[in-house]
Amino acid sequence: MQPQNAFVANALEATIRIALLLVLAAWCFDIVKPFVIPIAWGIIIAVAQYPGYLRLRAWLGGRRRAAATLMVVIDLLVLLVPAVLLSDTLLDGAQNLAKGLQEGTLAVPRPPESIKDWPLVGEPLNVFWNQASQNLAETAAKFAPQLKASAGWLLATVAGAGFSVLQFIIAIIIAGALLAHSDASAEFARAVATRLAGEKGEELARLAETIVRSVTKGILGVALIQAILAGIGFMVMGIPAAGLWALLCLLLSTVQIGIFPITLPILIYVFATADTVPAVLFLVWSLIVGSLDNVLKPLVLGRGVQVPMAVIFVGAIGGFISSGIIGLFVGAVVLTLGYKLLLAWVYERPKESSV
């Protein structure tokens, strides 16, 4: 009976210890839960900017904290300056719209005669435009439910964007702290990976690092380039609220929808209001910018990674669908690591022990 009693006592003690560890882990997670997204973004930003940080640190004579601080300042300027400009554009546009509707000074110009000849949409668009130019208030009243729903969605989107900006500010500060202690952070990451995956842990950690940089350049980088170029075209053509449309282009390009859902109605507006030559040039510019991802993405996405580009792309898009924008990186990393582990399981044979 003594061995049996000892076994029961040991099992009971182990169960209590495991339960206490689980309670402690759950408690710790509940405490840091509000910071999970900023910490994840901080790690992603730090990994993506590490090569640039190394060059900046060498340029500053090896001063780690000075280089990390300068990177944080640059990131904050890149984030906050467009946010402030966009918020000013939105506020000015909303104030002018409200004032025009209240005073009755807001007017819509009559549509050009050429709209009638457009296939499919020409006639109904001409009727709607004429009604709006004659009595904007009455026309808007017909779409009151849709406008109310759109206004609610817009307010919720603006509030969410403001919270996202705050999260990114915290993430940038966290990234700066990680960069300032990059050697210790890298050593800790390698130690954790080795603890989890054994001798292949360091290789998988380097692979995850490379994938994060690849996704940053291949998806977010290409989306940012498209949004900037599209925004330049909008500003040159004098499109109202050009910053807002550029932001929407950035969002749609990031989620792999592309910028054409934004540029198509703007093209219709330009052809209806501008001269033929500028409108045609803007059309060519929009087609080039909208197709740019088809050229840049194969060149950048998956570069330096010994994994098919399709695996990274499917992981990024699937991760976005399941977990939002943070899933772009998490999905790509998880699917690629799973792909590498699958190949190792299929093709690598265990070494036979010698007798």
Protein backbone atom coordinates (compact mmCIF):
# COMPACT_ATOMS: atom_id res chain seq x y z
CA MET A 1 0.00 0.00 0.00
CA GLN A 2 2.93 2.37 0.62
CA PRO A 3 3.97 2.65 -3.08
CA GLN A 4 0.34 3.26 -4.02
CA ASN A 5 -0.08 5.95 -1.37
CA ALA A 6 3.18 7.61 -2.50
CA PHE A 7 1.97 7.58 -6.11
CA VAL A 8 -1.34 9.19 -5.14
CA ALA A 9 0.42 11.81 -3.04
CA ASN A 10 2.87 12.65 -5.84
CA ALA A 11 0.05 12.81 -8.41
CA LEU A 12 -1.99 15.07 -6.13
CA GLU A 13 0.99 17.35 -5.51
CA ALA A 14 1.77 17.55 -9.24
CA THR A 15 -1.88 18.35 -10.02
CA ILE A 16 -1.93 21.16 -7.45
CA ARG A 17 1.32 22.61 -8.82
CA ILE A 18 0.10 22.48 -12.41
CA ALA A 19 -3.21 24.09 -11.41
CA LEU A 20 -1.37 26.88 -9.59
CA LEU A 21 0.85 27.45 -12.61
CA LEU A 22 -2.20 27.61 -14.90
CA VAL A 23 -3.92 30.06 -12.55
CA LEU A 24 -0.78 32.21 -12.44
CA ALA A 25 -0.42 32.11 -16.25
CA ALA A 26 -4.09 33.03 -16.75
CA TRP A 27 -3.76 35.85 -14.21
CA CYS A 28 -0.64 37.22 -15.91
CA PHE A 29 -2.35 37.06 -19.30
CA ASP A 30 -5.40 38.91 -17.96
CA ILE A 31 -3.10 41.67 -16.66
CA VAL A 32 -1.17 42.11 -19.94
CA LYS A 33 -4.17 41.48 -22.22
CA PRO A 34 -4.72 45.20 -23.05
CA PHE A 35 -1.09 45.37 -24.19
CA VAL A 36 -1.00 42.19 -26.31
CA ILE A 37 -1.71 43.96 -29.62
CA PRO A 38 0.75 46.85 -29.00
CA ILE A 39 3.43 44.37 -27.87
CA ALA A 40 2.86 42.23 -30.97
CA TRP A 41 3.07 45.31 -33.20
CA GLY A 42 6.15 46.47 -31.30
CA ILE A 43 7.90 43.17 -32.01
CA ILE A 44 6.89 43.34 -35.68
CA ILE A 45 8.10 46.94 -36.04
CA ALA A 46 11.38 46.15 -34.28
CA VAL A 47 12.05 43.09 -36.45
CA ALA A 48 11.16 44.94 -39.65
CA GLN A 49 13.36 47.95 -38.80
CA TYR A 50 16.32 46.07 -37.35
CA PRO A 51 18.54 46.30 -40.48
CA GLY A 52 17.89 50.04 -40.69
CA TYR A 53 18.56 50.36 -36.97
CA LEU A 54 21.94 48.66 -37.40
CA ARG A 55 22.94 51.13 -40.14
CA LEU A 56 21.75 54.07 -38.05
CA ARG A 57 23.61 52.77 -34.99
CA ALA A 58 26.83 52.45 -36.99
CA TRP A 59 26.32 55.99 -38.33
CA LEU A 60 25.94 57.26 -34.74
CA GLY A 61 29.14 55.56 -33.61
CA GLY A 62 27.53 52.50 -32.00
CA ARG A 63 25.27 54.39 -29.59
CA ARG A 64 22.34 52.06 -29.11
CA ARG A 65 19.95 54.25 -27.18
CA ALA A 66 20.51 57.27 -29.41
CA ALA A 67 19.81 55.18 -32.53
CA ALA A 68 16.70 53.61 -30.98
CA THR A 69 15.41 57.01 -29.84
CA LEU A 70 15.94 58.49 -33.30
CA MET A 71 14.07 55.54 -34.85
CA VAL A 72 11.15 56.15 -32.46
CA VAL A 73 11.06 59.86 -33.35
CA ILE A 74 11.10 59.09 -37.09
CA ASP A 75 8.33 56.48 -36.71
CA LEU A 76 6.17 58.87 -34.68
CA LEU A 77 6.59 61.60 -37.29
CA VAL A 78 5.70 59.17 -40.09
CA LEU A 79 2.59 58.09 -38.16
CA LEU A 80 1.38 61.37 -36.66
CA VAL A 81 1.96 63.85 -39.51
CA PRO A 82 -0.36 62.05 -42.01
CA ALA A 83 -2.86 61.43 -39.17
CA VAL A 84 -2.98 65.13 -38.28
CA LEU A 85 -3.25 66.19 -41.93
CA LEU A 86 -6.01 63.66 -42.55
CA SER A 87 -7.93 64.70 -39.43
CA ASP A 88 -7.72 68.36 -40.50
CA THR A 89 -9.07 67.43 -43.93
CA LEU A 90 -11.93 65.45 -42.41
CA LEU A 91 -12.83 68.19 -39.92
CA ASP A 92 -12.75 70.95 -42.53
CA GLY A 93 -14.82 68.88 -44.93
CA ALA A 94 -17.39 68.00 -42.26
CA GLN A 95 -17.66 71.61 -41.09
CA ASN A 96 -18.09 72.95 -44.63
CA LEU A 97 -20.68 70.30 -45.41
CA ALA A 98 -22.68 71.00 -42.25
CA LYS A 99 -22.51 74.76 -42.81
CA GLY A 100 -23.56 74.45 -46.45
CA LEU A 101 -26.51 72.23 -45.61
CA GLN A 102 -27.61 74.51 -42.76
CA GLU A 103 -27.39 77.73 -44.76
CA GLY A 104 -28.59 76.23 -48.03
CA THR A 105 -25.45 77.35 -49.87
CA LEU A 106 -24.28 73.86 -50.77
CA ALA A 107 -24.88 73.35 -54.47
CA VAL A 108 -24.19 70.55 -56.91
CA PRO A 109 -23.27 71.59 -60.49
CA ARG A 110 -25.37 70.29 -63.35
CA PRO A 111 -24.04 67.16 -65.04
CA PRO A 112 -22.31 67.44 -68.42
CA GLU A 113 -24.32 66.38 -71.46
CA SER A 114 -21.87 63.58 -72.28
CA ILE A 115 -23.01 61.53 -69.27
CA LYS A 116 -26.20 60.50 -71.09
CA ASP A 117 -24.11 58.62 -73.66
CA TRP A 118 -22.30 56.46 -71.10
CA PRO A 119 -23.28 52.78 -71.40
CA LEU A 120 -25.45 51.19 -68.68
CA VAL A 121 -25.00 53.83 -65.95
CA GLY A 122 -25.28 56.98 -68.07
CA GLU A 123 -29.06 57.56 -68.00
CA PRO A 124 -29.75 56.78 -64.30
CA LEU A 125 -26.65 58.71 -63.23
CA ASN A 126 -27.77 61.71 -65.30
CA VAL A 127 -31.26 61.65 -63.71
CA PHE A 128 -29.88 61.38 -60.19
CA TRP A 129 -27.30 64.12 -60.80
CA ASN A 130 -29.95 66.47 -62.21
CA GLN A 131 -32.19 65.91 -59.19
CA ALA A 132 -29.29 66.62 -56.83
CA SER A 133 -28.34 69.81 -58.70
CA GLN A 134 -31.95 71.10 -58.59
CA ASN A 135 -32.80 70.22 -54.97
CA LEU A 136 -30.01 68.65 -52.93
CA ALA A 137 -31.99 68.53 -49.68
CA GLU A 138 -34.90 66.63 -51.26
CA THR A 139 -32.56 64.21 -52.99
CA ALA A 140 -30.65 63.57 -49.76
CA ALA A 141 -33.92 62.98 -47.90
CA LYS A 142 -34.70 60.05 -50.21
CA PHE A 143 -31.53 58.34 -48.98
CA ALA A 144 -31.86 59.33 -45.32
CA PRO A 145 -31.64 55.73 -43.92
CA GLN A 146 -28.59 54.93 -46.04
CA LEU A 147 -26.93 58.23 -45.12
CA LYS A 148 -27.65 57.67 -41.44
CA ALA A 149 -26.14 54.18 -41.56
CA SER A 150 -23.13 55.48 -43.48
CA ALA A 151 -22.64 58.29 -40.96
CA GLY A 152 -22.72 55.82 -38.06
CA TRP A 153 -20.22 53.57 -39.81
CA LEU A 154 -17.98 56.55 -40.56
CA LEU A 155 -18.05 57.74 -36.92
CA ALA A 156 -17.25 54.23 -35.68
CA THR A 157 -14.42 53.96 -38.21
CA VAL A 158 -12.96 57.31 -37.17
CA ALA A 159 -13.14 56.32 -33.49
CA GLY A 160 -11.49 52.98 -34.26
CA ALA A 161 -8.80 54.74 -36.28
CA GLY A 162 -8.07 57.04 -33.35
CA PHE A 163 -7.71 54.07 -30.99
CA SER A 164 -5.47 52.33 -33.54
CA VAL A 165 -3.22 55.39 -33.71
CA LEU A 166 -2.88 55.29 -29.92
CA GLN A 167 -2.00 51.59 -30.06
CA PHE A 168 0.62 52.26 -32.74
CA ILE A 169 2.19 55.03 -30.63
CA ILE A 170 2.56 52.54 -27.75
CA ALA A 171 3.87 49.90 -30.18
CA ILE A 172 6.49 52.28 -31.58
CA ILE A 173 7.75 53.03 -28.06
CA ILE A 174 7.91 49.28 -27.33
CA ALA A 175 9.79 48.73 -30.59
CA GLY A 176 12.29 51.40 -29.59
CA ALA A 177 12.89 49.65 -26.26
CA LEU A 178 13.41 46.32 -28.04
CA LEU A 179 15.83 47.89 -30.51
CA ALA A 180 17.80 49.56 -27.72
CA HIS A 181 18.25 46.09 -26.17
CA SER A 182 18.33 44.20 -29.48
CA ASP A 183 21.15 41.82 -28.55
CA ALA A 184 19.42 40.68 -25.36
CA SER A 185 16.05 40.48 -27.15
CA ALA A 186 17.52 38.35 -29.95
CA GLU A 187 19.26 36.06 -27.46
CA PHE A 188 16.01 35.61 -25.51
CA ALA A 189 14.07 34.83 -28.72
CA ARG A 190 16.67 32.24 -29.76
CA ALA A 191 16.64 30.68 -26.30
CA VAL A 192 12.84 30.37 -26.32
CA ALA A 193 12.86 28.92 -29.86
CA THR A 194 15.56 26.42 -28.93
CA ARG A 195 13.65 25.44 -25.81
CA LEU A 196 10.50 24.81 -27.86
CA ALA A 197 11.95 23.24 -31.03
CA GLY A 198 15.29 21.84 -29.95
CA GLU A 199 18.26 22.16 -32.27
CA LYS A 200 16.06 23.52 -35.08
CA GLY A 201 14.75 26.33 -32.89
CA GLU A 202 17.37 28.90 -33.92
CA GLU A 203 16.76 28.17 -37.62
CA LEU A 204 13.00 28.59 -37.19
CA ALA A 205 13.52 31.84 -35.25
CA ARG A 206 15.60 33.25 -38.12
CA LEU A 207 12.95 32.07 -40.57
CA ALA A 208 10.19 33.86 -38.62
CA GLU A 209 12.30 37.03 -38.56
CA THR A 210 12.81 36.90 -42.33
CA ILE A 211 9.11 36.27 -42.96
CA VAL A 212 8.07 39.32 -40.90
CA ARG A 213 10.39 41.52 -42.97
CA SER A 214 9.14 39.93 -46.19
CA VAL A 215 5.47 40.52 -45.33
CA THR A 216 6.24 44.08 -44.19
CA LYS A 217 7.84 44.91 -47.52
CA GLY A 218 5.68 42.77 -49.78
CA ILE A 219 2.23 43.66 -48.40
CA LEU A 220 2.38 46.78 -46.22
CA GLY A 221 5.24 48.35 -48.18
CA VAL A 222 3.56 47.84 -51.55
CA ALA A 223 0.23 49.06 -50.15
CA LEU A 224 1.90 52.21 -48.81
CA ILE A 225 3.57 52.90 -52.16
CA GLN A 226 0.26 52.50 -53.99
CA ALA A 227 -1.58 54.75 -51.52
CA ILE A 228 1.06 57.50 -51.77
CA LEU A 229 1.11 57.43 -55.56
CA ALA A 230 -2.69 57.35 -55.72
CA GLY A 231 -2.85 60.27 -53.27
CA ILE A 232 -0.46 62.28 -55.44
CA GLY A 233 -2.73 61.71 -58.41
CA PHE A 234 -5.78 62.78 -56.40
CA MET A 235 -4.04 65.97 -55.25
CA VAL A 236 -2.84 66.87 -58.76
CA MET A 237 -6.38 66.46 -60.12
CA GLY A 238 -7.82 68.51 -57.25
CA ILE A 239 -10.01 65.71 -55.89
CA PRO A 240 -11.82 66.82 -52.69
CA ALA A 241 -10.66 65.03 -49.51
CA ALA A 242 -7.70 63.47 -51.34
CA GLY A 243 -6.14 62.33 -48.03
CA LEU A 244 -9.24 60.33 -47.09
CA TRP A 245 -9.32 58.52 -50.45
CA ALA A 246 -5.59 57.79 -50.17
CA LEU A 247 -6.18 56.29 -46.72
CA LEU A 248 -8.97 54.09 -48.08
CA CYS A 249 -6.63 53.02 -50.89
CA LEU A 250 -4.06 52.01 -48.26
CA LEU A 251 -6.62 49.93 -46.35
CA LEU A 252 -8.00 48.18 -49.44
CA SER A 253 -4.54 47.50 -50.83
CA THR A 254 -3.42 46.07 -47.48
CA VAL A 255 -6.31 43.59 -47.45
CA GLN A 256 -5.50 42.68 -51.07
CA ILE A 257 -8.67 44.13 -52.59
CA GLY A 258 -6.74 46.77 -54.48
CA ILE A 259 -7.32 50.46 -55.08
CA PHE A 260 -9.66 50.18 -58.08
CA PRO A 261 -12.88 50.30 -55.97
CA ILE A 262 -11.73 53.79 -54.91
CA THR A 263 -10.22 55.02 -58.16
CA LEU A 264 -13.13 53.90 -60.38
CA PRO A 265 -15.76 56.38 -59.06
CA ILE A 266 -13.06 59.07 -58.88
CA LEU A 267 -12.28 58.41 -62.54
CA ILE A 268 -15.96 58.85 -63.41
CA TYR A 269 -15.96 62.15 -61.51
CA VAL A 270 -12.78 63.32 -63.27
CA PHE A 271 -14.06 62.46 -66.75
CA ALA A 272 -17.31 64.25 -65.96
CA THR A 273 -15.71 67.45 -64.65
CA ALA A 274 -12.18 67.77 -66.08
CA ASP A 275 -10.81 68.27 -69.58
CA THR A 276 -10.14 65.24 -71.76
CA VAL A 277 -6.33 65.30 -71.74
CA PRO A 278 -5.89 65.54 -67.93
CA ALA A 279 -8.62 62.93 -67.46
CA VAL A 280 -6.89 60.49 -69.83
CA LEU A 281 -3.52 61.09 -68.13
CA PHE A 282 -5.14 60.46 -64.76
CA LEU A 283 -6.68 57.26 -66.15
CA VAL A 284 -3.26 56.02 -67.29
CA TRP A 285 -1.73 56.98 -63.94
CA SER A 286 -4.48 55.14 -62.03
CA LEU A 287 -4.05 52.00 -64.13
CA ILE A 288 -0.30 52.00 -63.54
CA VAL A 289 -0.62 52.56 -59.81
CA GLY A 290 -3.42 50.01 -59.46
CA SER A 291 -1.37 47.34 -61.24
CA LEU A 292 1.85 48.09 -59.38
CA ASP A 293 1.29 45.37 -56.80
CA ASN A 294 1.31 42.72 -59.54
CA VAL A 295 4.89 43.74 -60.35
CA LEU A 296 6.34 44.58 -56.93
CA LYS A 297 4.79 41.82 -54.85
CA PRO A 298 6.47 38.87 -56.65
CA LEU A 299 9.80 40.74 -56.44
CA VAL A 300 9.60 41.48 -52.71
CA LEU A 301 7.30 38.95 -51.06
CA GLY A 302 9.23 35.84 -50.10
CA ARG A 303 12.58 37.32 -51.05
CA GLY A 304 15.35 35.71 -49.02
CA VAL A 305 13.01 33.00 -47.69
CA GLN A 306 13.41 29.40 -48.82
CA VAL A 307 9.64 28.97 -48.89
CA PRO A 308 7.23 29.23 -51.85
CA MET A 309 5.69 32.69 -52.12
CA ALA A 310 2.23 31.09 -52.26
CA VAL A 311 2.67 29.75 -48.70
CA ILE A 312 3.51 33.19 -47.33
CA PHE A 313 0.72 34.86 -49.30
CA VAL A 314 -1.95 32.34 -48.26
CA GLY A 315 -0.80 32.56 -44.64
CA ALA A 316 -0.93 36.35 -44.68
CA ILE A 317 -4.39 36.58 -46.26
CA GLY A 318 -5.83 33.73 -44.21
CA GLY A 319 -4.41 35.28 -41.06
CA PHE A 320 -5.96 38.63 -41.94
CA ILE A 321 -9.38 37.05 -42.50
CA SER A 322 -9.26 35.25 -39.15
CA SER A 323 -7.41 37.77 -36.95
CA GLY A 324 -7.42 41.17 -38.62
CA ILE A 325 -4.40 43.11 -39.78
CA ILE A 326 -2.12 41.58 -37.12
CA GLY A 327 -2.95 38.22 -38.73
CA LEU A 328 -1.07 39.30 -41.86
CA PHE A 329 2.14 38.58 -39.96
CA VAL A 330 1.00 35.90 -37.53
CA GLY A 331 -0.68 33.87 -40.28
CA ALA A 332 2.34 34.06 -42.58
CA VAL A 333 4.75 33.07 -39.80
CA VAL A 334 2.61 30.21 -38.47
CA LEU A 335 1.84 28.71 -41.89
CA THR A 336 5.47 28.95 -43.01
CA LEU A 337 6.75 27.34 -39.82
CA GLY A 338 4.14 24.62 -40.22
CA TYR A 339 5.26 24.12 -43.84
CA LYS A 340 8.91 23.78 -42.79
CA LEU A 341 8.04 21.35 -39.98
CA LEU A 342 5.95 19.29 -42.40
CA LEU A 343 8.87 19.05 -44.82
CA ALA A 344 11.19 18.07 -41.98
CA TRP A 345 8.76 15.34 -40.86
CA VAL A 346 8.30 13.99 -44.41
CA TYR A 347 11.85 14.02 -45.73
CA GLU A 348 14.16 13.84 -42.72
CA ARG A 349 14.76 10.39 -41.27
CA PRO A 350 15.81 9.84 -37.64
CA LYS A 351 19.41 8.83 -37.20
CA GLU A 352 19.89 5.15 -36.42
CA SER A 353 21.63 4.61 -33.15
CA SER A 354 24.88 2.64 -33.41
CA VAL A 355 25.18 -0.50 -31.34
